C-alpha cells in the first residue's frame, strides 16, 4: 500500500500546486481535487478489504488520469 501512495501522492502534490496556481474555475478544481482524494480513499478501501486487483487498479488508474488531467490543464494554461 505504501508504495502505491509514494507513486501517486507526491506527484499529485506537485501537479495540484501547479494546477491551483493556474486559478481554474472552482467547479473544475473541486471535481479534480476532490475526485483524486475520493479515488485514493476508494483504493485504500479496496486494498484493506482485499478486493481483486482489477478493482484496486481501476481506482489507481482513475487517480492517475486525474493527475494527468491537471497536468494537461496546467500545460495548456502555460502556453
PDB file of N, CA and C in Angstrom:
ATOM      1  N   UNK A   1       0.829  -1.197   0.000  1.00  0.00           N
ATOM      2  CA  UNK A   1       0.000   0.000   0.000  1.00  0.00           C
ATOM      3  C   UNK A   1       0.870   1.256   0.000  1.00  0.00           C
ATOM      4  N   UNK A   2       1.910   1.243   0.811  1.00  0.00           N
ATOM      5  CA  UNK A   2       2.758   2.419   0.936  1.00  0.00           C
ATOM      6  C   UNK A   2       3.410   2.777  -0.394  1.00  0.00           C
ATOM      7  N   UNK A   3       3.813   1.774  -1.168  1.00  0.00           N
ATOM      8  CA  UNK A   3       4.446   2.058  -2.452  1.00  0.00           C
ATOM      9  C   UNK A   3       3.477   2.714  -3.419  1.00  0.00           C
ATOM     10  N   UNK A   4       2.219   2.280  -3.396  1.00  0.00           N
ATOM     11  CA  UNK A   4       1.222   2.915  -4.253  1.00  0.00           C
ATOM     12  C   UNK A   4       1.058   4.385  -3.884  1.00  0.00           C
ATOM     13  N   UNK A   5       1.056   4.661  -2.591  1.00  0.00           N
ATOM     14  CA  UNK A   5       0.940   6.053  -2.151  1.00  0.00           C
ATOM     15  C   UNK A   5       2.151   6.863  -2.598  1.00  0.00           C
ATOM     16  N   UNK A   6       3.334   6.291  -2.506  1.00  0.00           N
ATOM     17  CA  UNK A   6       4.546   7.015  -2.869  1.00  0.00           C
ATOM     18  C   UNK A   6       4.677   7.194  -4.384  1.00  0.00           C
ATOM     19  N   UNK A   7       3.948   6.399  -5.154  1.00  0.00           N
ATOM     20  CA  UNK A   7       3.950   6.582  -6.604  1.00  0.00           C
ATOM     21  C   UNK A   7       2.997   7.689  -7.020  1.00  0.00           C
ATOM     22  N   UNK A   8       1.977   7.920  -6.250  1.00  0.00           N
ATOM     23  CA  UNK A   8       0.874   8.767  -6.678  1.00  0.00           C
ATOM     24  C   UNK A   8       0.791  10.094  -5.933  1.00  0.00           C
ATOM     25  N   UNK A   9       0.901  10.082  -4.636  1.00  0.00           N
ATOM     26  CA  UNK A   9       0.630  11.277  -3.835  1.00  0.00           C
ATOM     27  C   UNK A   9       1.663  12.395  -4.049  1.00  0.00           C
ATOM     28  N   UNK A  10       2.980  12.133  -4.065  1.00  0.00           N
ATOM     29  CA  UNK A  10       3.917  13.237  -4.308  1.00  0.00           C
ATOM     30  C   UNK A  10       3.698  13.915  -5.661  1.00  0.00           C
ATOM     31  N   UNK A  11       3.403  13.117  -6.671  1.00  0.00           N
ATOM     32  CA  UNK A  11       3.136  13.692  -7.993  1.00  0.00           C
ATOM     33  C   UNK A  11       1.865  14.534  -7.944  1.00  0.00           C
ATOM     34  N   UNK A  12       0.860  14.051  -7.211  1.00  0.00           N
ATOM     35  CA  UNK A  12      -0.376  14.817  -7.059  1.00  0.00           C
ATOM     36  C   UNK A  12      -0.109  16.155  -6.383  1.00  0.00           C
ATOM     37  N   UNK A  13       0.717  16.159  -5.365  1.00  0.00           N
ATOM     38  CA  UNK A  13       1.002  17.415  -4.658  1.00  0.00           C
ATOM     39  C   UNK A  13       1.661  18.441  -5.583  1.00  0.00           C
ATOM     40  N   UNK A  14       2.588  17.992  -6.397  1.00  0.00           N
ATOM     41  CA  UNK A  14       3.248  18.906  -7.337  1.00  0.00           C
ATOM     42  C   UNK A  14       2.280  19.371  -8.413  1.00  0.00           C
ATOM     43  N   UNK A  15       1.589  18.410  -9.037  1.00  0.00           N
ATOM     44  CA  UNK A  15       0.633  18.763 -10.097  1.00  0.00           C
ATOM     45  C   UNK A  15      -0.505  19.618  -9.538  1.00  0.00           C
ATOM     46  N   UNK A  16      -0.952  19.297  -8.326  1.00  0.00           N
ATOM     47  CA  UNK A  16      -2.030  20.068  -7.707  1.00  0.00           C
ATOM     48  C   UNK A  16      -1.620  21.499  -7.408  1.00  0.00           C
ATOM     49  N   UNK A  17      -0.409  21.687  -6.935  1.00  0.00           N
ATOM     50  CA  UNK A  17       0.069  23.042  -6.658  1.00  0.00           C
ATOM     51  C   UNK A  17       0.149  23.862  -7.936  1.00  0.00           C
ATOM     52  N   UNK A  18       0.743  23.279  -8.967  1.00  0.00           N
ATOM     53  CA  UNK A  18       0.830  23.991 -10.243  1.00  0.00           C
ATOM     54  C   UNK A  18      -0.565  24.246 -10.816  1.00  0.00           C
ATOM     55  N   UNK A  19      -1.451  23.273 -10.682  1.00  0.00           N
ATOM     56  CA  UNK A  19      -2.825  23.404 -11.166  1.00  0.00           C
ATOM     57  C   UNK A  19      -3.547  24.550 -10.456  1.00  0.00           C
ATOM     58  N   UNK A  20      -3.409  24.636  -9.145  1.00  0.00           N
ATOM     59  CA  UNK A  20      -4.074  25.698  -8.379  1.00  0.00           C
ATOM     60  C   UNK A  20      -3.522  27.063  -8.751  1.00  0.00           C
ATOM     61  N   UNK A  21      -2.236  27.134  -9.074  1.00  0.00           N
ATOM     62  CA  UNK A  21      -1.642  28.412  -9.490  1.00  0.00           C
ATOM     63  C   UNK A  21      -2.236  28.929 -10.797  1.00  0.00           C
ATOM     64  N   UNK A  22      -2.824  28.042 -11.603  1.00  0.00           N
ATOM     65  CA  UNK A  22      -3.448  28.488 -12.853  1.00  0.00           C
ATOM     66  C   UNK A  22      -4.808  29.123 -12.611  1.00  0.00           C
ATOM     67  N   UNK A  23      -5.279  29.085 -11.396  1.00  0.00           N
ATOM     68  CA  UNK A  23      -6.573  29.642 -10.988  1.00  0.00           C
ATOM     69  C   UNK A  23      -7.719  29.091 -11.844  1.00  0.00           C
ATOM     70  N   UNK A  24      -7.914  27.747 -11.802  1.00  0.00           N
ATOM     71  CA  UNK A  24      -9.018  27.162 -12.567  1.00  0.00           C
ATOM     72  C   UNK A  24     -10.347  27.559 -11.942  1.00  0.00           C
ATOM     73  N   UNK A  25     -11.425  27.303 -12.664  1.00  0.00           N
ATOM     74  CA  UNK A  25     -12.735  27.592 -12.085  1.00  0.00           C
ATOM     75  C   UNK A  25     -12.933  26.703 -10.859  1.00  0.00           C
ATOM     76  N   UNK A  26     -13.768  27.167  -9.954  1.00  0.00           N
ATOM     77  CA  UNK A  26     -13.992  26.441  -8.710  1.00  0.00           C
ATOM     78  C   UNK A  26     -14.528  25.037  -8.980  1.00  0.00           C
ATOM     79  N   UNK A  27     -15.436  24.902  -9.922  1.00  0.00           N
ATOM     80  CA  UNK A  27     -16.027  23.600 -10.223  1.00  0.00           C
ATOM     81  C   UNK A  27     -14.978  22.619 -10.739  1.00  0.00           C
ATOM     82  N   UNK A  28     -14.146  23.062 -11.658  1.00  0.00           N
ATOM     83  CA  UNK A  28     -13.096  22.192 -12.211  1.00  0.00           C
ATOM     84  C   UNK A  28     -12.135  21.776 -11.104  1.00  0.00           C
ATOM     85  N   UNK A  29     -11.730  22.729 -10.271  1.00  0.00           N
ATOM     86  CA  UNK A  29     -10.808  22.424  -9.177  1.00  0.00           C
ATOM     87  C   UNK A  29     -11.429  21.429  -8.197  1.00  0.00           C
ATOM     88  N   UNK A  30     -12.687  21.636  -7.833  1.00  0.00           N
ATOM     89  CA  UNK A  30     -13.336  20.727  -6.895  1.00  0.00           C
ATOM     90  C   UNK A  30     -13.468  19.324  -7.471  1.00  0.00           C
ATOM     91  N   UNK A  31     -13.866  19.224  -8.721  1.00  0.00           N
ATOM     92  CA  UNK A  31     -14.040  17.906  -9.333  1.00  0.00           C
ATOM     93  C   UNK A  31     -12.708  17.160  -9.362  1.00  0.00           C
ATOM     94  N   UNK A  32     -11.658  17.809  -9.791  1.00  0.00           N
ATOM     95  CA  UNK A  32     -10.370  17.125  -9.913  1.00  0.00           C
ATOM     96  C   UNK A  32      -9.716  16.850  -8.557  1.00  0.00           C
ATOM     97  N   UNK A  33      -9.678  17.836  -7.691  1.00  0.00           N
ATOM     98  CA  UNK A  33      -9.004  17.649  -6.405  1.00  0.00           C
ATOM     99  C   UNK A  33      -9.777  16.702  -5.487  1.00  0.00           C
ATOM    100  N   UNK A  34     -11.074  16.918  -5.345  1.00  0.00           N
ATOM    101  CA  UNK A  34     -11.872  16.005  -4.524  1.00  0.00           C
ATOM    102  C   UNK A  34     -11.958  14.629  -5.172  1.00  0.00           C
ATOM    103  N   UNK A  35     -11.985  14.605  -6.495  1.00  0.00           N
ATOM    104  CA  UNK A  35     -12.016  13.328  -7.203  1.00  0.00           C
ATOM    105  C   UNK A  35     -10.784  12.494  -6.907  1.00  0.00           C
ATOM    106  N   UNK A  36      -9.620  13.127  -6.877  1.00  0.00           N
ATOM    107  CA  UNK A  36      -8.396  12.392  -6.565  1.00  0.00           C
ATOM    108  C   UNK A  36      -8.452  11.836  -5.147  1.00  0.00           C
ATOM    109  N   UNK A  37      -8.876  12.667  -4.201  1.00  0.00           N
ATOM    110  CA  UNK A  37      -8.958  12.207  -2.812  1.00  0.00           C
ATOM    111  C   UNK A  37      -9.941  11.041  -2.705  1.00  0.00           C
ATOM    112  N   UNK A  38     -11.066  11.139  -3.386  1.00  0.00           N
ATOM    113  CA  UNK A  38     -12.062  10.062  -3.356  1.00  0.00           C
ATOM    114  C   UNK A  38     -11.501   8.768  -3.940  1.00  0.00           C
ATOM    115  N   UNK A  39     -10.755   8.864  -5.032  1.00  0.00           N
ATOM    116  CA  UNK A  39     -10.196   7.646  -5.617  1.00  0.00           C
ATOM    117  C   UNK A  39      -9.113   7.045  -4.728  1.00  0.00           C
ATOM    118  N   UNK A  40      -8.344   7.876  -4.040  1.00  0.00           N
ATOM    119  CA  UNK A  40      -7.339   7.338  -3.114  1.00  0.00           C
ATOM    120  C   UNK A  40      -8.012   6.652  -1.932  1.00  0.00           C
ATOM    121  N   UNK A  41      -9.103   7.246  -1.432  1.00  0.00           N
ATOM    122  CA  UNK A  41      -9.838   6.588  -0.341  1.00  0.00           C
ATOM    123  C   UNK A  41     -10.462   5.283  -0.817  1.00  0.00           C
ATOM    124  N   UNK A  42     -10.994   5.274  -2.026  1.00  0.00           N
ATOM    125  CA  UNK A  42     -11.577   4.054  -2.575  1.00  0.00           C
ATOM    126  C   UNK A  42     -10.486   3.000  -2.790  1.00  0.00           C
ATOM    127  N   UNK A  43      -9.320   3.417  -3.239  1.00  0.00           N
ATOM    128  CA  UNK A  43      -8.208   2.484  -3.413  1.00  0.00           C
ATOM    129  C   UNK A  43      -7.794   1.901  -2.066  1.00  0.00           C
ATOM    130  N   UNK A  44      -7.727   2.737  -1.042  1.00  0.00           N
ATOM    131  CA  UNK A  44      -7.385   2.263   0.297  1.00  0.00           C
ATOM    132  C   UNK A  44      -8.416   1.250   0.783  1.00  0.00           C
ATOM    133  N   UNK A  45      -9.691   1.556   0.578  1.00  0.00           N
ATOM    134  CA  UNK A  45     -10.759   0.629   0.975  1.00  0.00           C
ATOM    135  C   UNK A  45     -10.610  -0.698   0.238  1.00  0.00           C
ATOM    136  N   UNK A  46     -10.388  -0.638  -1.067  1.00  0.00           N
ATOM    137  CA  UNK A  46     -10.249  -1.861  -1.854  1.00  0.00           C
ATOM    138  C   UNK A  46      -9.028  -2.666  -1.412  1.00  0.00           C
ATOM    139  N   UNK A  47      -7.966  -1.977  -1.089  1.00  0.00           N
ATOM    140  CA  UNK A  47      -6.739  -2.655  -0.661  1.00  0.00           C
ATOM    141  C   UNK A  47      -6.916  -3.284   0.715  1.00  0.00           C
ATOM    142  N   UNK A  48      -7.522  -2.544   1.641  1.00  0.00           N
ATOM    143  CA  UNK A  48      -7.657  -3.039   3.010  1.00  0.00           C
ATOM    144  C   UNK A  48      -8.708  -4.136   3.144  1.00  0.00           C
ATOM    145  N   UNK A  49      -9.638  -4.230   2.205  1.00  0.00           N
ATOM    146  CA  UNK A  49     -10.647  -5.295   2.248  1.00  0.00           C
ATOM    147  C   UNK A  49     -10.317  -6.418   1.268  1.00  0.00           C
ATOM    148  N   UNK A  50      -9.101  -6.425   0.738  1.00  0.00           N
ATOM    149  CA  UNK A  50      -8.597  -7.482  -0.141  1.00  0.00           C
ATOM    150  C   UNK A  50      -9.473  -7.702  -1.373  1.00  0.00           C
ATOM    151  N   UNK A  51      -9.870  -6.606  -2.000  1.00  0.00           N
ATOM    152  CA  UNK A  51     -10.616  -6.706  -3.259  1.00  0.00           C
ATOM    153  C   UNK A  51      -9.667  -7.172  -4.364  1.00  0.00           C
ATOM    154  N   UNK A  52     -10.212  -7.685  -5.454  1.00  0.00           N
ATOM    155  CA  UNK A  52      -9.348  -8.146  -6.549  1.00  0.00           C
ATOM    156  C   UNK A  52      -8.502  -7.010  -7.132  1.00  0.00           C
ATOM    157  N   UNK A  53      -7.433  -7.416  -7.770  1.00  0.00           N
ATOM    158  CA  UNK A  53      -6.506  -6.449  -8.352  1.00  0.00           C
ATOM    159  C   UNK A  53      -7.210  -5.499  -9.324  1.00  0.00           C
ATOM    160  N   UNK A  54      -8.168  -6.002 -10.081  1.00  0.00           N
ATOM    161  CA  UNK A  54      -8.859  -5.175 -11.070  1.00  0.00           C
ATOM    162  C   UNK A  54      -9.568  -3.990 -10.411  1.00  0.00           C
ATOM    163  N   UNK A  55     -10.129  -4.197  -9.237  1.00  0.00           N
ATOM    164  CA  UNK A  55     -10.820  -3.109  -8.524  1.00  0.00           C
ATOM    165  C   UNK A  55      -9.808  -2.066  -8.068  1.00  0.00           C
ATOM    166  N   UNK A  56      -8.734  -2.538  -7.453  1.00  0.00           N
ATOM    167  CA  UNK A  56      -7.694  -1.601  -6.991  1.00  0.00           C
ATOM    168  C   UNK A  56      -7.071  -0.860  -8.161  1.00  0.00           C
ATOM    169  N   UNK A  57      -6.809  -1.565  -9.241  1.00  0.00           N
ATOM    170  CA  UNK A  57      -6.191  -0.945 -10.420  1.00  0.00           C
ATOM    171  C   UNK A  57      -7.108   0.101 -11.036  1.00  0.00           C
ATOM    172  N   UNK A  58      -8.407  -0.138 -10.995  1.00  0.00           N
ATOM    173  CA  UNK A  58      -9.355   0.839 -11.530  1.00  0.00           C
ATOM    174  C   UNK A  58      -9.268   2.147 -10.757  1.00  0.00           C
ATOM    175  N   UNK A  59      -9.288   2.068  -9.435  1.00  0.00           N
ATOM    176  CA  UNK A  59      -9.203   3.285  -8.624  1.00  0.00           C
ATOM    177  C   UNK A  59      -7.851   3.979  -8.801  1.00  0.00           C
ATOM    178  N   UNK A  60      -6.787   3.190  -8.853  1.00  0.00           N
ATOM    179  CA  UNK A  60      -5.456   3.765  -9.058  1.00  0.00           C
ATOM    180  C   UNK A  60      -5.382   4.473 -10.406  1.00  0.00           C
ATOM    181  N   UNK A  61      -5.941   3.851 -11.432  1.00  0.00           N
ATOM    182  CA  UNK A  61      -5.909   4.429 -12.779  1.00  0.00           C
ATOM    183  C   UNK A  61      -6.716   5.714 -12.866  1.00  0.00           C
ATOM    184  N   UNK A  62      -7.868   5.749 -12.229  1.00  0.00           N
ATOM    185  CA  UNK A  62      -8.681   6.973 -12.225  1.00  0.00           C
ATOM    186  C   UNK A  62      -7.908   8.109 -11.567  1.00  0.00           C
ATOM    187  N   UNK A  63      -7.261   7.819 -10.438  1.00  0.00           N
ATOM    188  CA  UNK A  63      -6.439   8.831  -9.773  1.00  0.00           C
ATOM    189  C   UNK A  63      -5.309   9.318 -10.659  1.00  0.00           C
ATOM    190  N   UNK A  64      -4.683   8.402 -11.373  1.00  0.00           N
ATOM    191  CA  UNK A  64      -3.602   8.780 -12.289  1.00  0.00           C
ATOM    192  C   UNK A  64      -4.120   9.642 -13.435  1.00  0.00           C
ATOM    193  N   UNK A  65      -5.298   9.312 -13.948  1.00  0.00           N
ATOM    194  CA  UNK A  65      -5.890  10.117 -15.024  1.00  0.00           C
ATOM    195  C   UNK A  65      -6.234  11.524 -14.535  1.00  0.00           C
ATOM    196  N   UNK A  66      -6.642  11.644 -13.296  1.00  0.00           N
ATOM    197  CA  UNK A  66      -6.927  12.971 -12.736  1.00  0.00           C
ATOM    198  C   UNK A  66      -5.638  13.791 -12.681  1.00  0.00           C
ATOM    199  N   UNK A  67      -4.549  13.172 -12.260  1.00  0.00           N
ATOM    200  CA  UNK A  67      -3.258  13.878 -12.222  1.00  0.00           C
ATOM    201  C   UNK A  67      -2.851  14.304 -13.628  1.00  0.00           C
ATOM    202  N   UNK A  68      -3.017  13.422 -14.595  1.00  0.00           N
ATOM    203  CA  UNK A  68      -2.700  13.761 -15.981  1.00  0.00           C
ATOM    204  C   UNK A  68      -3.570  14.915 -16.452  1.00  0.00           C
ATOM    205  N   UNK A  69      -4.854  14.899 -16.094  1.00  0.00           N
ATOM    206  CA  UNK A  69      -5.760  15.986 -16.467  1.00  0.00           C
ATOM    207  C   UNK A  69      -5.315  17.322 -15.892  1.00  0.00           C
ATOM    208  N   UNK A  70      -4.890  17.322 -14.637  1.00  0.00           N
ATOM    209  CA  UNK A  70      -4.398  18.558 -14.032  1.00  0.00           C
ATOM    210  C   UNK A  70      -3.129  19.038 -14.721  1.00  0.00           C
ATOM    211  N   UNK A  71      -2.247  18.109 -15.058  1.00  0.00           N
ATOM    212  CA  UNK A  71      -1.002  18.480 -15.728  1.00  0.00           C
ATOM    213  C   UNK A  71      -1.275  19.048 -17.117  1.00  0.00           C
ATOM    214  N   UNK A  72      -2.185  18.442 -17.852  1.00  0.00           N
ATOM    215  CA  UNK A  72      -2.538  18.943 -19.184  1.00  0.00           C
ATOM    216  C   UNK A  72      -3.169  20.324 -19.074  1.00  0.00           C
ATOM    217  N   UNK A  73      -4.072  20.498 -18.121  1.00  0.00           N
ATOM    218  CA  UNK A  73      -4.712  21.801 -17.899  1.00  0.00           C
ATOM    219  C   UNK A  73      -3.647  22.857 -17.613  1.00  0.00           C
ATOM    220  N   UNK A  74      -2.700  22.515 -16.755  1.00  0.00           N
ATOM    221  CA  UNK A  74      -1.627  23.449 -16.403  1.00  0.00           C
ATOM    222  C   UNK A  74      -0.758  23.761 -17.616  1.00  0.00           C
ATOM    223  N   UNK A  75      -0.432  22.737 -18.397  1.00  0.00           N
ATOM    224  CA  UNK A  75       0.394  22.932 -19.578  1.00  0.00           C
ATOM    225  C   UNK A  75      -0.305  23.837 -20.596  1.00  0.00           C
ATOM    226  N   UNK A  76      -1.581  23.598 -20.827  1.00  0.00           N
ATOM    227  CA  UNK A  76      -2.339  24.424 -21.769  1.00  0.00           C
ATOM    228  C   UNK A  76      -2.419  25.871 -21.268  1.00  0.00           C
ATOM    229  N   UNK A  77      -2.593  26.056 -19.967  1.00  0.00           N
ATOM    230  CA  UNK A  77      -2.641  27.393 -19.386  1.00  0.00           C
ATOM    231  C   UNK A  77      -1.290  28.103 -19.569  1.00  0.00           C
ATOM    232  N   UNK A  78      -0.208  27.341 -19.465  1.00  0.00           N
ATOM    233  CA  UNK A  78       1.125  27.938 -19.575  1.00  0.00           C
ATOM    234  C   UNK A  78       1.450  28.386 -20.988  1.00  0.00           C
ATOM    235  N   UNK A  79       0.794  27.789 -21.953  1.00  0.00           N
ATOM    236  CA  UNK A  79       1.072  28.151 -23.358  1.00  0.00           C
ATOM    237  C   UNK A  79       0.331  29.373 -23.704  1.00  0.00           C
TER     238      UNK A  79
END
